[in-house]
Amino acid sequence: MDGVEFCQLVAGHISPQEAAAGQDGDREAIQDVLSAAASLSRL
């Protein structure tokens, strides 16, 4: 994931599922981290 995509995730412009597409590794851990980052847009 590049910086632009991460910023879009945190700003709520893309979903954690969209951001996780194509990522390698533990899918559950990736989903948890991306969901936590996405929740920052609701603070």
PDB file of N, CA and C in Angstrom:
ATOM      1  N   MET A   1       0.845  -1.160   0.000  1.00  0.00           N
ATOM      2  CA  MET A   1       0.000   0.000   0.000  1.00  0.00           C
ATOM      3  C   MET A   1       0.899   1.234   0.000  1.00  0.00           C
ATOM      4  N   ASP A   2       0.602   2.140  -0.886  1.00  0.00           N
ATOM      5  CA  ASP A   2       1.399   3.361  -0.936  1.00  0.00           C
ATOM      6  C   ASP A   2       0.783   4.426  -0.012  1.00  0.00           C
ATOM      7  N   GLY A   3       1.482   5.523   0.124  1.00  0.00           N
ATOM      8  CA  GLY A   3       1.051   6.584   1.018  1.00  0.00           C
ATOM      9  C   GLY A   3      -0.275   7.203   0.636  1.00  0.00           C
ATOM     10  N   VAL A   4      -0.503   7.358  -0.657  1.00  0.00           N
ATOM     11  CA  VAL A   4      -1.758   7.952  -1.131  1.00  0.00           C
ATOM     12  C   VAL A   4      -2.936   7.053  -0.761  1.00  0.00           C
ATOM     13  N   GLU A   5      -2.776   5.758  -0.996  1.00  0.00           N
ATOM     14  CA  GLU A   5      -3.857   4.825  -0.675  1.00  0.00           C
ATOM     15  C   GLU A   5      -4.131   4.807   0.828  1.00  0.00           C
ATOM     16  N   PHE A   6      -3.076   4.872   1.649  1.00  0.00           N
ATOM     17  CA  PHE A   6      -3.259   4.901   3.098  1.00  0.00           C
ATOM     18  C   PHE A   6      -4.018   6.166   3.509  1.00  0.00           C
ATOM     19  N   CYS A   7      -3.665   7.299   2.941  1.00  0.00           N
ATOM     20  CA  CYS A   7      -4.352   8.551   3.260  1.00  0.00           C
ATOM     21  C   CYS A   7      -5.819   8.486   2.860  1.00  0.00           C
ATOM     22  N   GLN A   8      -6.113   7.868   1.712  1.00  0.00           N
ATOM     23  CA  GLN A   8      -7.502   7.705   1.285  1.00  0.00           C
ATOM     24  C   GLN A   8      -8.268   6.828   2.268  1.00  0.00           C
ATOM     25  N   LEU A   9      -7.617   5.788   2.769  1.00  0.00           N
ATOM     26  CA  LEU A   9      -8.236   4.895   3.745  1.00  0.00           C
ATOM     27  C   LEU A   9      -8.556   5.652   5.030  1.00  0.00           C
ATOM     28  N   VAL A  10      -7.587   6.378   5.562  1.00  0.00           N
ATOM     29  CA  VAL A  10      -7.772   7.103   6.818  1.00  0.00           C
ATOM     30  C   VAL A  10      -8.813   8.213   6.662  1.00  0.00           C
ATOM     31  N   ALA A  11      -8.906   8.797   5.480  1.00  0.00           N
ATOM     32  CA  ALA A  11      -9.884   9.856   5.231  1.00  0.00           C
ATOM     33  C   ALA A  11     -11.284   9.303   4.968  1.00  0.00           C
ATOM     34  N   GLY A  12     -11.403   7.985   4.832  1.00  0.00           N
ATOM     35  CA  GLY A  12     -12.703   7.367   4.606  1.00  0.00           C
ATOM     36  C   GLY A  12     -13.135   7.325   3.154  1.00  0.00           C
ATOM     37  N   HIS A  13     -12.203   7.538   2.236  1.00  0.00           N
ATOM     38  CA  HIS A  13     -12.539   7.525   0.817  1.00  0.00           C
ATOM     39  C   HIS A  13     -12.529   6.128   0.209  1.00  0.00           C
ATOM     40  N   ILE A  14     -11.809   5.188   0.817  1.00  0.00           N
ATOM     41  CA  ILE A  14     -11.845   3.788   0.386  1.00  0.00           C
ATOM     42  C   ILE A  14     -12.053   2.916   1.611  1.00  0.00           C
ATOM     43  N   SER A  15     -12.623   1.747   1.399  1.00  0.00           N
ATOM     44  CA  SER A  15     -12.900   0.838   2.506  1.00  0.00           C
ATOM     45  C   SER A  15     -11.675  -0.020   2.827  1.00  0.00           C
ATOM     46  N   PRO A  16     -11.626  -0.569   4.028  1.00  0.00           N
ATOM     47  CA  PRO A  16     -10.522  -1.476   4.366  1.00  0.00           C
ATOM     48  C   PRO A  16     -10.442  -2.674   3.425  1.00  0.00           C
ATOM     49  N   GLN A  17     -11.586  -3.140   2.932  1.00  0.00           N
ATOM     50  CA  GLN A  17     -11.595  -4.268   2.006  1.00  0.00           C
ATOM     51  C   GLN A  17     -10.925  -3.895   0.687  1.00  0.00           C
ATOM     52  N   GLU A  18     -11.179  -2.692   0.202  1.00  0.00           N
ATOM     53  CA  GLU A  18     -10.542  -2.238  -1.034  1.00  0.00           C
ATOM     54  C   GLU A  18      -9.038  -2.079  -0.830  1.00  0.00           C
ATOM     55  N   ALA A  19      -8.646  -1.546   0.309  1.00  0.00           N
ATOM     56  CA  ALA A  19      -7.229  -1.318   0.591  1.00  0.00           C
ATOM     57  C   ALA A  19      -6.478  -2.633   0.784  1.00  0.00           C
ATOM     58  N   ALA A  20      -7.160  -3.664   1.274  1.00  0.00           N
ATOM     59  CA  ALA A  20      -6.511  -4.942   1.548  1.00  0.00           C
ATOM     60  C   ALA A  20      -6.310  -5.787   0.298  1.00  0.00           C
ATOM     61  N   ALA A  21      -6.950  -5.429  -0.779  1.00  0.00           N
ATOM     62  CA  ALA A  21      -6.862  -6.220  -2.006  1.00  0.00           C
ATOM     63  C   ALA A  21      -5.417  -6.336  -2.463  1.00  0.00           C
ATOM     64  N   GLY A  22      -4.980  -7.553  -2.677  1.00  0.00           N
ATOM     65  CA  GLY A  22      -3.635  -7.799  -3.186  1.00  0.00           C
ATOM     66  C   GLY A  22      -2.544  -7.832  -2.136  1.00  0.00           C
ATOM     67  N   GLN A  23      -2.882  -7.659  -0.862  1.00  0.00           N
ATOM     68  CA  GLN A  23      -1.872  -7.680   0.194  1.00  0.00           C
ATOM     69  C   GLN A  23      -1.523  -9.129   0.544  1.00  0.00           C
ATOM     70  N   ASP A  24      -0.260  -9.375   0.839  1.00  0.00           N
ATOM     71  CA  ASP A  24       0.204 -10.708   1.233  1.00  0.00           C
ATOM     72  C   ASP A  24       0.312 -10.777   2.750  1.00  0.00           C
ATOM     73  N   GLY A  25       0.119 -11.971   3.287  1.00  0.00           N
ATOM     74  CA  GLY A  25       0.294 -12.173   4.719  1.00  0.00           C
ATOM     75  C   GLY A  25      -0.996 -12.621   5.376  1.00  0.00           C
ATOM     76  N   ASP A  26      -1.038 -12.444   6.686  1.00  0.00           N
ATOM     77  CA  ASP A  26      -2.179 -12.852   7.496  1.00  0.00           C
ATOM     78  C   ASP A  26      -3.363 -11.933   7.192  1.00  0.00           C
ATOM     79  N   ARG A  27      -4.340 -12.437   6.465  1.00  0.00           N
ATOM     80  CA  ARG A  27      -5.471 -11.616   6.018  1.00  0.00           C
ATOM     81  C   ARG A  27      -6.250 -11.022   7.192  1.00  0.00           C
ATOM     82  N   GLU A  28      -6.408 -11.796   8.260  1.00  0.00           N
ATOM     83  CA  GLU A  28      -7.155 -11.300   9.421  1.00  0.00           C
ATOM     84  C   GLU A  28      -6.424 -10.136  10.085  1.00  0.00           C
ATOM     85  N   ALA A  29      -5.110 -10.256  10.224  1.00  0.00           N
ATOM     86  CA  ALA A  29      -4.320  -9.181  10.822  1.00  0.00           C
ATOM     87  C   ALA A  29      -4.345  -7.932   9.941  1.00  0.00           C
ATOM     88  N   ILE A  30      -4.241  -8.128   8.637  1.00  0.00           N
ATOM     89  CA  ILE A  30      -4.295  -6.996   7.703  1.00  0.00           C
ATOM     90  C   ILE A  30      -5.642  -6.296   7.830  1.00  0.00           C
ATOM     91  N   GLN A  31      -6.708  -7.055   7.864  1.00  0.00           N
ATOM     92  CA  GLN A  31      -8.051  -6.494   7.987  1.00  0.00           C
ATOM     93  C   GLN A  31      -8.206  -5.725   9.292  1.00  0.00           C
ATOM     94  N   ASP A  32      -7.675  -6.270  10.393  1.00  0.00           N
ATOM     95  CA  ASP A  32      -7.767  -5.600  11.693  1.00  0.00           C
ATOM     96  C   ASP A  32      -7.040  -4.257  11.686  1.00  0.00           C
ATOM     97  N   VAL A  33      -5.836  -4.233  11.147  1.00  0.00           N
ATOM     98  CA  VAL A  33      -5.045  -3.000  11.115  1.00  0.00           C
ATOM     99  C   VAL A  33      -5.698  -1.962  10.209  1.00  0.00           C
ATOM    100  N   LEU A  34      -6.157  -2.386   9.041  1.00  0.00           N
ATOM    101  CA  LEU A  34      -6.784  -1.440   8.124  1.00  0.00           C
ATOM    102  C   LEU A  34      -8.113  -0.924   8.668  1.00  0.00           C
ATOM    103  N   SER A  35      -8.847  -1.752   9.361  1.00  0.00           N
ATOM    104  CA  SER A  35     -10.102  -1.299   9.969  1.00  0.00           C
ATOM    105  C   SER A  35      -9.832  -0.285  11.071  1.00  0.00           C
ATOM    106  N   ALA A  36      -8.781  -0.522  11.860  1.00  0.00           N
ATOM    107  CA  ALA A  36      -8.414   0.433  12.905  1.00  0.00           C
ATOM    108  C   ALA A  36      -7.983   1.765  12.288  1.00  0.00           C
ATOM    109  N   ALA A  37      -7.214   1.719  11.225  1.00  0.00           N
ATOM    110  CA  ALA A  37      -6.774   2.957  10.549  1.00  0.00           C
ATOM    111  C   ALA A  37      -7.979   3.688   9.962  1.00  0.00           C
ATOM    112  N   ALA A  38      -8.917   2.954   9.374  1.00  0.00           N
ATOM    113  CA  ALA A  38     -10.089   3.574   8.782  1.00  0.00           C
ATOM    114  C   ALA A  38     -10.961   4.225   9.844  1.00  0.00           C
ATOM    115  N   SER A  39     -10.955   3.696  11.061  1.00  0.00           N
ATOM    116  CA  SER A  39     -11.781   4.281  12.131  1.00  0.00           C
ATOM    117  C   SER A  39     -11.282   5.667  12.519  1.00  0.00           C
ATOM    118  N   LEU A  40     -10.061   6.030  12.140  1.00  0.00           N
ATOM    119  CA  LEU A  40      -9.548   7.361  12.440  1.00  0.00           C
ATOM    120  C   LEU A  40     -10.367   8.445  11.741  1.00  0.00           C
ATOM    121  N   SER A  41     -11.003   8.116  10.627  1.00  0.00           N
ATOM    122  CA  SER A  41     -11.780   9.114   9.892  1.00  0.00           C
ATOM    123  C   SER A  41     -13.042   9.496  10.650  1.00  0.00           C
ATOM    124  N   ARG A  42     -13.406   8.707  11.650  1.00  0.00           N
ATOM    125  CA  ARG A  42     -14.623   8.980  12.413  1.00  0.00           C
ATOM    126  C   ARG A  42     -14.338   9.666  13.736  1.00  0.00           C
ATOM    127  N   LEU A  43     -13.112  10.090  13.973  1.00  0.00           N
ATOM    128  CA  LEU A  43     -12.794  10.776  15.244  1.00  0.00           C
ATOM    129  C   LEU A  43     -13.199  12.209  15.204  1.00  0.00           C
TER     130      LEU A  43
END
